[in-house]
Protein backbone atom coordinates (compact mmCIF):
# COMPACT_ATOMS: atom_id res chain seq x y z
CA UNK A 1 126.02 120.49 72.45
CA UNK A 2 122.52 120.39 71.16
CA UNK A 3 122.54 116.60 71.10
CA UNK A 4 123.80 116.53 74.76
CA UNK A 5 120.94 118.94 75.76
CA UNK A 6 118.33 116.78 73.90
CA UNK A 7 119.60 113.71 75.79
CA UNK A 8 119.45 115.49 79.12
CA UNK A 9 116.01 116.99 78.43
CA UNK A 10 114.77 113.42 77.45
CA UNK A 11 116.12 111.94 80.55
CA UNK A 12 114.37 114.65 82.61
CA UNK A 13 111.04 113.74 81.03
CA UNK A 14 111.61 110.15 81.74
CA UNK A 15 112.44 110.76 85.45
CA UNK A 16 109.38 113.00 85.67
CA UNK A 17 107.16 110.35 84.04
CA UNK A 18 108.56 107.74 86.46
CA UNK A 19 107.92 109.86 89.50
CA UNK A 20 104.34 110.66 88.18
CA UNK A 21 103.74 107.04 87.57
CA UNK A 22 105.08 105.99 91.05
CA UNK A 23 102.65 108.36 92.79
CA UNK A 24 99.83 107.26 90.68
CA UNK A 25 100.61 103.58 91.25
CA UNK A 26 100.75 104.03 94.92
CA UNK A 27 97.43 105.67 94.89
CA UNK A 28 95.97 102.70 92.99
CA UNK A 29 97.56 100.28 95.31
CA UNK A 30 96.10 102.08 98.31
CA UNK A 31 92.65 102.05 96.86
CA UNK A 32 92.78 98.42 95.78
CA UNK A 33 93.94 97.35 99.33
CA UNK A 34 91.10 99.41 101.01
CA UNK A 35 88.26 99.07 98.68
CA UNK A 36 89.01 95.74 96.93
CA UNK A 37 88.57 97.13 93.45
CA UNK A 38 90.18 99.50 91.07
CA UNK A 39 89.38 103.24 91.47
CA UNK A 40 87.63 105.37 88.97
CA UNK A 41 89.79 107.79 87.01
CA UNK A 42 88.33 110.59 88.83
CA UNK A 43 89.14 109.16 92.21
CA UNK A 44 92.61 108.11 90.95
CA UNK A 45 93.30 111.63 89.92
CA UNK A 46 92.12 113.03 93.31
CA UNK A 47 94.20 110.56 95.36
CA UNK A 48 97.39 111.14 93.22
CA UNK A 49 97.07 115.07 93.63
CA UNK A 50 96.59 114.54 97.41
CA UNK A 51 100.25 113.46 97.64
CA UNK A 52 101.42 117.05 96.81
CA UNK A 53 100.02 118.17 100.19
CA UNK A 54 100.35 114.92 102.16
CA UNK A 55 103.21 112.72 101.02
CA UNK A 56 102.36 110.11 103.71
CA UNK A 57 99.40 108.78 101.62
CA UNK A 58 96.99 108.88 104.54
CA UNK A 59 94.81 111.64 102.80
CA UNK A 60 94.75 109.45 99.67
CA UNK A 61 93.68 106.42 101.86
CA UNK A 62 90.90 108.49 103.49
CA UNK A 63 89.67 109.59 99.96
CA UNK A 64 89.45 105.82 98.94
CA UNK A 65 87.45 105.17 102.08
CA UNK A 66 85.08 108.17 102.21
CA UNK A 67 85.46 109.87 98.88
CA UNK A 68 87.37 112.96 97.68
CA UNK A 69 85.98 116.44 97.17
CA UNK A 70 83.55 116.04 94.25
CA UNK A 71 84.13 112.40 93.96
CA UNK A 72 82.14 109.65 95.61
CA UNK A 73 83.85 106.60 97.19
CA UNK A 74 83.04 103.23 95.62
CA UNK A 75 81.84 101.96 99.08
CA UNK A 76 83.85 98.75 98.74
CA UNK A 77 85.72 99.57 102.05
CA UNK A 78 82.59 99.34 104.09
CA UNK A 79 80.64 96.79 102.06
CA UNK A 80 83.40 94.41 101.33
CA UNK A 81 86.57 94.98 103.38
CA UNK A 82 84.95 95.86 106.65
CA UNK A 83 82.20 93.39 106.32
CA UNK A 84 84.69 90.58 105.72
CA UNK A 85 86.80 91.89 108.58
CA UNK A 86 84.09 91.97 111.12
CA UNK A 87 81.93 89.03 110.17
CA UNK A 88 84.16 86.23 111.57
CA UNK A 89 83.60 87.70 115.06
CA UNK A 90 79.90 86.86 114.86
CA UNK A 91 80.01 83.15 114.57
CA UNK A 92 81.86 80.26 116.27
CA UNK A 93 82.94 78.94 112.87
CA UNK A 94 84.70 82.28 112.28
CA UNK A 95 83.09 82.41 108.91
CA UNK A 96 83.88 85.50 106.94
CA UNK A 97 81.05 84.93 104.40
CA UNK A 98 78.14 84.55 106.92
CA UNK A 99 75.24 87.14 106.28
CA UNK A 100 75.42 90.67 107.62
CA UNK A 101 73.98 90.98 111.04
CA UNK A 102 73.50 93.33 113.88
CA UNK A 103 77.04 92.70 115.20
CA UNK A 104 78.86 93.25 111.97
CA UNK A 105 76.63 96.16 110.90
CA UNK A 106 77.35 97.89 114.15
CA UNK A 107 81.10 97.30 113.89
CA UNK A 108 81.05 98.80 110.41
CA UNK A 109 78.93 101.87 111.51
CA UNK A 110 81.31 102.49 114.50
CA UNK A 111 84.32 102.68 112.13
CA UNK A 112 82.35 104.73 109.62
CA UNK A 113 81.33 107.30 112.14
CA UNK A 114 84.75 107.62 113.78
CA UNK A 115 83.30 106.47 117.18
CA UNK A 116 85.80 105.20 119.61
CA UNK A 117 86.23 101.54 118.86
CA UNK A 118 86.86 100.57 122.42
CA UNK A 119 83.24 101.35 123.05
CA UNK A 120 82.29 98.44 120.71
CA UNK A 121 82.00 96.03 123.74
CA UNK A 122 79.98 98.26 126.03
CA UNK A 123 78.08 101.11 124.40
CA UNK A 124 74.22 101.30 124.14
CA UNK A 125 74.48 101.26 120.33
CA UNK A 126 73.26 99.25 117.19
CA UNK A 127 73.18 100.16 113.48
CA UNK A 128 69.99 99.60 111.54
CA UNK A 129 69.39 99.70 107.83
CA UNK A 130 67.22 102.59 106.67
CA UNK A 131 66.38 101.77 103.02
CA UNK A 132 62.72 101.76 102.06
CA UNK A 133 61.36 98.21 101.77
CA UNK A 134 63.56 96.59 104.28
CA UNK A 135 61.84 94.15 106.62
CA UNK A 136 61.51 95.85 109.98
CA UNK A 137 64.24 95.11 112.54
CA UNK A 138 63.24 92.00 114.60
CA UNK A 139 64.99 90.67 117.60
CA UNK A 140 63.79 87.26 116.64
CA UNK A 141 65.46 86.88 113.23
CA UNK A 142 68.13 88.29 110.91
CA UNK A 143 65.80 89.16 107.93
CA UNK A 144 66.51 92.98 108.15
CA UNK A 145 70.27 92.68 107.78
CA UNK A 146 70.11 89.98 105.10
CA UNK A 147 67.79 92.11 103.02
CA UNK A 148 70.09 95.18 103.46
CA UNK A 149 73.12 93.12 102.26
CA UNK A 150 71.05 91.85 99.33
CA UNK A 151 70.21 95.27 98.26
CA UNK A 152 73.74 95.91 97.28
CA UNK A 153 73.55 99.38 99.07
CA UNK A 154 76.86 101.04 99.94
CA UNK A 155 77.12 100.50 103.79
CA UNK A 156 79.34 103.69 103.86
CA UNK A 157 76.37 105.82 103.01
CA UNK A 158 75.11 107.61 106.18
CA UNK A 159 71.60 107.12 104.81
CA UNK A 160 71.95 103.29 104.56
CA UNK A 161 73.21 102.41 108.13
CA UNK A 162 71.70 104.45 110.93
CA UNK A 163 72.81 104.54 114.56
CA UNK A 164 70.22 103.82 117.26
CA UNK A 165 70.22 102.96 120.88
CA UNK A 166 70.27 99.26 121.20
CA UNK A 167 67.95 99.42 124.40
CA UNK A 168 65.33 101.19 122.33
CA UNK A 169 65.06 98.63 119.64
CA UNK A 170 65.94 95.36 120.95
CA UNK A 171 63.64 95.15 124.11
CA UNK A 172 66.68 94.89 126.32
CA UNK A 173 66.95 97.08 129.48
CA UNK A 174 69.76 99.58 129.57
CA UNK A 175 71.55 97.54 132.17
CA UNK A 176 71.70 94.53 129.76
CA UNK A 177 73.26 96.34 126.84
CA UNK A 178 76.96 95.72 126.15
CA UNK A 179 77.74 96.81 122.74
CA UNK A 180 78.05 93.96 120.29
CA UNK A 181 78.35 91.35 123.15
CA UNK A 182 74.47 91.90 123.63
CA UNK A 183 73.68 91.95 119.90
CA UNK A 184 71.38 89.13 118.52
CA UNK A 185 74.16 87.72 116.43
CA UNK A 186 76.55 87.38 119.45
CA UNK A 187 73.74 85.87 121.52
CA UNK A 188 72.76 83.44 118.81
CA UNK A 189 76.45 82.30 118.60
CA UNK A 190 77.68 82.42 122.18
CA UNK A 191 74.73 82.69 124.58
CA UNK A 192 72.91 79.73 123.02
CA UNK A 193 72.84 76.54 125.22
CA UNK A 194 76.15 75.91 126.94
CA UNK A 195 77.34 77.80 129.97
CA UNK A 196 77.94 81.33 128.53
CA UNK A 197 81.79 80.69 128.92
CA UNK A 198 81.70 80.85 125.13
CA UNK A 199 80.95 84.52 125.08
CA UNK A 200 84.08 85.25 127.25
CA UNK A 201 86.29 82.93 125.23
CA UNK A 202 85.26 84.23 121.68
CA UNK A 203 85.31 87.94 122.97
CA UNK A 204 88.93 87.35 123.99
CA UNK A 205 89.65 85.45 120.80
CA UNK A 206 87.92 87.92 118.34
CA UNK A 207 89.08 91.22 120.33
CA UNK A 208 92.20 90.49 122.27
CA UNK A 209 93.52 87.83 119.71
CA UNK A 210 94.11 85.57 122.59
CA UNK A 211 92.58 82.20 123.42
CA UNK A 212 92.41 80.42 126.70
CA UNK A 213 95.69 78.51 126.18
CA UNK A 214 97.58 81.83 126.19
CA UNK A 215 95.92 83.11 129.30
CA UNK A 216 96.44 80.18 131.65
CA UNK A 217 97.40 81.15 135.16
CA UNK A 218 98.03 78.41 137.59
CA UNK A 219 98.64 80.83 140.51
CA UNK A 220 95.13 82.43 140.34
CA UNK A 221 92.79 81.34 143.22
CA UNK A 222 90.27 78.76 142.30
CA UNK A 223 87.50 79.88 144.58
CA UNK A 224 85.22 80.97 141.74
CA UNK A 225 85.44 77.79 139.74
CA UNK A 226 81.86 76.49 139.18
CA UNK A 227 80.35 73.25 140.31
CA UNK A 228 80.30 71.77 136.99
CA UNK A 229 83.98 71.47 136.75
CA UNK A 230 85.36 68.18 138.12
CA UNK A 231 88.19 68.49 140.47
CA UNK A 232 89.21 64.97 139.65
CA UNK A 233 88.63 64.48 135.94
CA UNK A 234 89.01 60.78 135.16
CA UNK A 235 89.78 60.22 138.84
CA UNK A 236 93.02 62.22 138.54
CA UNK A 237 93.05 65.42 140.73
CA UNK A 238 96.40 66.49 139.43
CA UNK A 239 94.78 66.98 135.95
CA UNK A 240 92.53 69.57 137.50
CA UNK A 241 95.37 71.12 139.45
CA UNK A 242 97.85 71.21 136.54
CA UNK A 243 95.39 72.00 133.69
CA UNK A 244 91.75 72.70 134.25
CA UNK A 245 92.07 75.42 137.11
CA UNK A 246 94.68 77.23 135.00
CA UNK A 247 91.90 78.33 132.77
CA UNK A 248 88.80 78.20 134.95
CA UNK A 249 90.24 80.22 137.94
CA UNK A 250 90.35 83.36 135.65
CA UNK A 251 87.64 82.53 133.22
CA UNK A 252 84.71 81.64 135.56
CA UNK A 253 84.78 84.89 137.68
CA UNK A 254 84.92 86.91 134.40
CA UNK A 255 82.18 84.92 132.60
CA UNK A 256 80.00 85.67 135.62
CA UNK A 257 79.29 89.02 134.06
CA UNK A 258 76.96 87.17 131.77
CA UNK A 259 74.98 85.31 134.52
CA UNK A 260 71.57 86.78 133.39
CA UNK A 261 71.76 86.20 129.72
CA UNK A 262 70.32 83.42 127.56
CA UNK A 263 69.25 82.71 123.98
CA UNK A 264 66.07 80.40 124.23
CA UNK A 265 64.77 79.13 120.97
CA UNK A 266 61.62 76.72 120.23
CA UNK A 267 61.88 73.20 120.89
CA UNK A 268 60.96 70.61 118.53
CA UNK A 269 57.40 70.38 119.78
CA UNK A 270 56.95 74.18 119.31
CA UNK A 271 58.58 74.09 115.80
CA UNK A 272 57.93 70.69 114.43
CA UNK A 273 59.81 69.83 111.10
CA UNK A 274 62.59 72.31 111.68
CA UNK A 275 66.34 71.27 112.14
CA UNK A 276 68.09 72.33 115.15
CA UNK A 277 69.93 75.22 113.50
CA UNK A 278 66.67 76.43 111.95
CA UNK A 279 65.04 76.54 115.30
CA UNK A 280 67.97 78.39 116.89
CA UNK A 281 67.50 81.06 114.05
CA UNK A 282 64.17 81.77 115.61
CA UNK A 283 65.63 82.43 119.08
CA UNK A 284 65.73 85.72 120.83
CA UNK A 285 68.16 86.94 123.61
CA UNK A 286 66.80 86.96 126.97
CA UNK A 287 67.90 88.90 130.13
CA UNK A 288 66.67 87.89 133.69
CA UNK A 289 67.81 90.83 135.76
CA UNK A 290 68.82 89.69 139.37
CA UNK A 291 68.03 86.00 138.50
CA UNK A 292 70.87 83.66 137.54
CA UNK A 293 70.34 81.62 134.47
CA UNK A 294 70.04 77.85 135.30
CA UNK A 295 72.96 77.11 132.91
CA UNK A 296 75.19 78.64 135.56
CA UNK A 297 74.04 76.02 138.01
CA UNK A 298 74.05 72.76 135.93
CA UNK A 299 75.75 69.65 136.95
CA UNK A 300 76.11 70.84 140.49
CA UNK A 301 76.76 67.34 141.72
CA UNK A 302 79.95 67.25 139.70
CA UNK A 303 81.57 69.02 142.62
CA UNK A 304 78.97 70.32 145.14
CA UNK A 305 81.64 72.35 146.97
CA UNK A 306 82.33 74.45 143.89
CA UNK A 307 81.14 78.06 143.43
CA UNK A 308 77.46 78.79 143.06
CA UNK A 309 76.97 81.80 140.98
CA UNK A 310 74.77 84.28 143.04
CA UNK A 311 74.71 87.43 140.62
CA UNK A 312 76.46 88.92 137.72
CA UNK A 313 79.40 90.49 139.64
CA UNK A 314 82.64 89.63 137.91
CA UNK A 315 86.16 89.89 139.31
CA UNK A 316 89.40 90.02 137.08
CA UNK A 317 91.86 87.64 138.84
CA UNK A 318 94.06 88.12 135.60
CA UNK A 319 95.03 91.57 136.74
CA UNK A 320 97.76 89.82 138.79
CA UNK A 321 100.44 87.28 137.77
CA UNK A 322 101.55 86.56 134.24
CA UNK A 323 98.38 87.90 132.52
CA UNK A 324 99.14 91.45 133.86
CA UNK A 325 101.93 91.69 131.21
CA UNK A 326 100.36 89.52 128.48
CA UNK A 327 97.18 91.51 128.36
CA UNK A 328 98.30 94.97 129.56
CA UNK A 329 95.28 96.18 131.53
CA UNK A 330 95.06 100.00 131.22
CA UNK A 331 91.98 101.05 133.24
CA UNK A 332 92.72 101.79 136.84
CA UNK A 333 92.08 98.69 139.02
CA UNK A 334 89.57 98.96 142.02
CA UNK A 335 86.71 97.42 143.91
CA UNK A 336 83.13 98.51 142.85
CA UNK A 337 81.80 98.33 146.42
CA UNK A 338 79.86 95.22 146.06
CA UNK A 339 80.62 92.18 148.33
CA UNK A 340 83.14 89.75 146.69
CA UNK A 341 85.51 87.15 147.75
CA UNK A 342 88.44 89.02 146.31
CA UNK A 343 89.87 91.61 148.69
CA UNK A 344 93.09 92.59 146.85
CA UNK A 345 92.81 96.18 145.57
CA UNK A 346 94.69 95.16 142.64
CA UNK A 347 91.78 93.26 141.20
CA UNK A 348 89.25 94.97 139.08
CA UNK A 349 85.65 94.17 139.59
CA UNK A 350 82.20 95.26 138.15
CA UNK A 351 78.69 94.35 137.58
CA UNK A 352 77.48 93.11 134.34
CA UNK A 353 78.69 92.70 130.73
CA UNK A 354 79.15 96.41 129.86
CA UNK A 355 81.61 97.04 132.66
CA UNK A 356 83.52 93.94 131.60
CA UNK A 357 83.46 95.03 128.05
CA UNK A 358 85.27 98.34 129.13
CA UNK A 359 87.69 96.33 131.17
CA UNK A 360 88.68 94.01 128.15
CA UNK A 361 88.62 96.94 125.50
CA UNK A 362 91.01 99.17 127.43
CA UNK A 363 94.00 96.84 127.12
CA UNK A 364 97.18 96.69 125.23
CA UNK A 365 96.15 93.37 123.87
CA UNK A 366 92.91 94.90 122.40
CA UNK A 367 94.82 97.58 120.65
CA UNK A 368 97.39 95.14 119.27
CA UNK A 369 94.72 92.82 118.19
CA UNK A 370 92.70 95.55 116.19
CA UNK A 371 95.87 97.02 114.68
CA UNK A 372 97.21 93.68 113.56
CA UNK A 373 93.97 92.55 111.96
CA UNK A 374 93.49 95.85 110.13
CA UNK A 375 97.06 95.41 108.83
CA UNK A 376 96.51 92.02 107.61
CA UNK A 377 93.17 93.06 106.01
CA UNK A 378 94.67 95.70 103.81
CA UNK A 379 98.37 94.54 103.38
CA UNK A 380 97.29 90.85 102.85
CA UNK A 381 100.10 89.68 105.14
CA UNK A 382 100.97 89.89 108.89
CA UNK A 383 103.36 92.67 109.88
CA UNK A 384 106.94 91.72 110.26
CA UNK A 385 108.21 91.71 113.86
CA UNK A 386 110.90 94.25 113.20
CA UNK A 387 111.93 96.97 110.77
CA UNK A 388 109.56 99.28 108.99
CA UNK A 389 106.47 97.11 109.80
CA UNK A 390 107.18 97.10 113.46
CA UNK A 391 107.56 100.85 113.47
CA UNK A 392 104.34 101.15 111.60
CA UNK A 393 102.43 98.97 113.96
CA UNK A 394 103.91 100.95 116.96
CA UNK A 395 102.69 104.31 115.41
CA UNK A 396 99.17 102.67 114.51
CA UNK A 397 98.95 101.53 118.11
CA UNK A 398 99.93 104.85 119.66
CA UNK A 399 97.32 106.68 117.46
CA UNK A 400 94.60 104.05 118.31
CA UNK A 401 95.38 104.43 122.07
CA UNK A 402 94.85 108.17 121.67
CA UNK A 403 91.39 108.14 120.23
CA UNK A 404 90.29 104.68 119.34
CA UNK A 405 89.76 105.73 115.69
CA UNK A 406 89.91 102.43 113.48
CA UNK A 407 89.34 104.36 110.30
CA UNK A 408 92.75 106.02 110.59
CA UNK A 409 94.32 102.76 111.50
CA UNK A 410 93.19 101.24 108.23
CA UNK A 411 94.12 104.35 106.17
CA UNK A 412 97.58 104.42 107.71
CA UNK A 413 98.15 100.68 107.33
CA UNK A 414 97.08 100.97 103.59
CA UNK A 415 99.46 103.89 103.09
CA UNK A 416 102.37 102.00 104.76
CA UNK A 417 101.85 99.01 102.59
CA UNK A 418 101.79 101.09 99.50
CA UNK A 419 105.33 102.38 100.38
CA UNK A 420 104.60 105.71 102.05
CA UNK A 421 105.05 105.00 105.80
């Protein structure tokens, strides 16, 4: 009898230890995924104890991100995980290890401060460093942010990254500000040279996870395709009708939102001895209100009857046809009142980049893109198309659609991948 009791008692202790170890291991995994480093003993204790009141693991995850009562966070979530998450959006090479800049710092600040992430493409906002000794913010270089990154400071500390009005520090008028799309880093990457179509393409790629091939629509009207697009490339008009127009018919009227932007930089005479990329690093975003940039009018002889851009009024032809379902537009469509070639009330229209940013950010594709990227960042894999992952993604998307809070998306995704959702 006594021996049987001893065996039973020992079994209970083993089960209790296994239960205890499981909760502690889950807390450790959540922290590792979010912060990219092991937690301190104090943090691990706090995270483990949080499961008693929140078995989902979300509270534990939020502790790993922002700290627990009496325990500071490591800062790895903001300084490493979020920095690597946002940095590929800021350059054409999609390099995650490019230096911190105004685009990535602003994305980090928006997540940290629980700002609706859908405002990232339209709000008058930028985050600056506030450490003593940093070079002053300068719209003509990135020294301010590179010094901030080199300092090793915790970007999650409210005293390190400070929110400012972009129009107040960049020299841009309010009408020109469109969240990170009007940041210096975005302009350096996507407004430099070219035709400004790159800004639309990379915004779609980075924030809707959709490239032009996925958005082709051969039924969209081609009345807004610019003059620089040949209607008979290589002497074959069917190539234009079957391929080129499928992208340009929707892309060109949307990219018109950027008609007043450029990123000029010194030429070889003004900066002798510098390589092209070095000269581009000295550039500064330019905005010519009411005056269309010459890049929108280049190669006019290619097809003289093509569209001549008169202003920055954009029209979303993708509201109709196959992209209606692919993208999932969520804002109410309507005409802004400006004169335009499109008369169908189902089209959405607007003036300038900020209104286009709102149009793009309030889509199902934007939500799915942010949720999927956050999931991959902390789970180190893509979500499965069905089963528990699919249910988790649906719940994460519903939460994001309700309030645009990316921090909770990361927290819930990390908790799910640790086995608690």
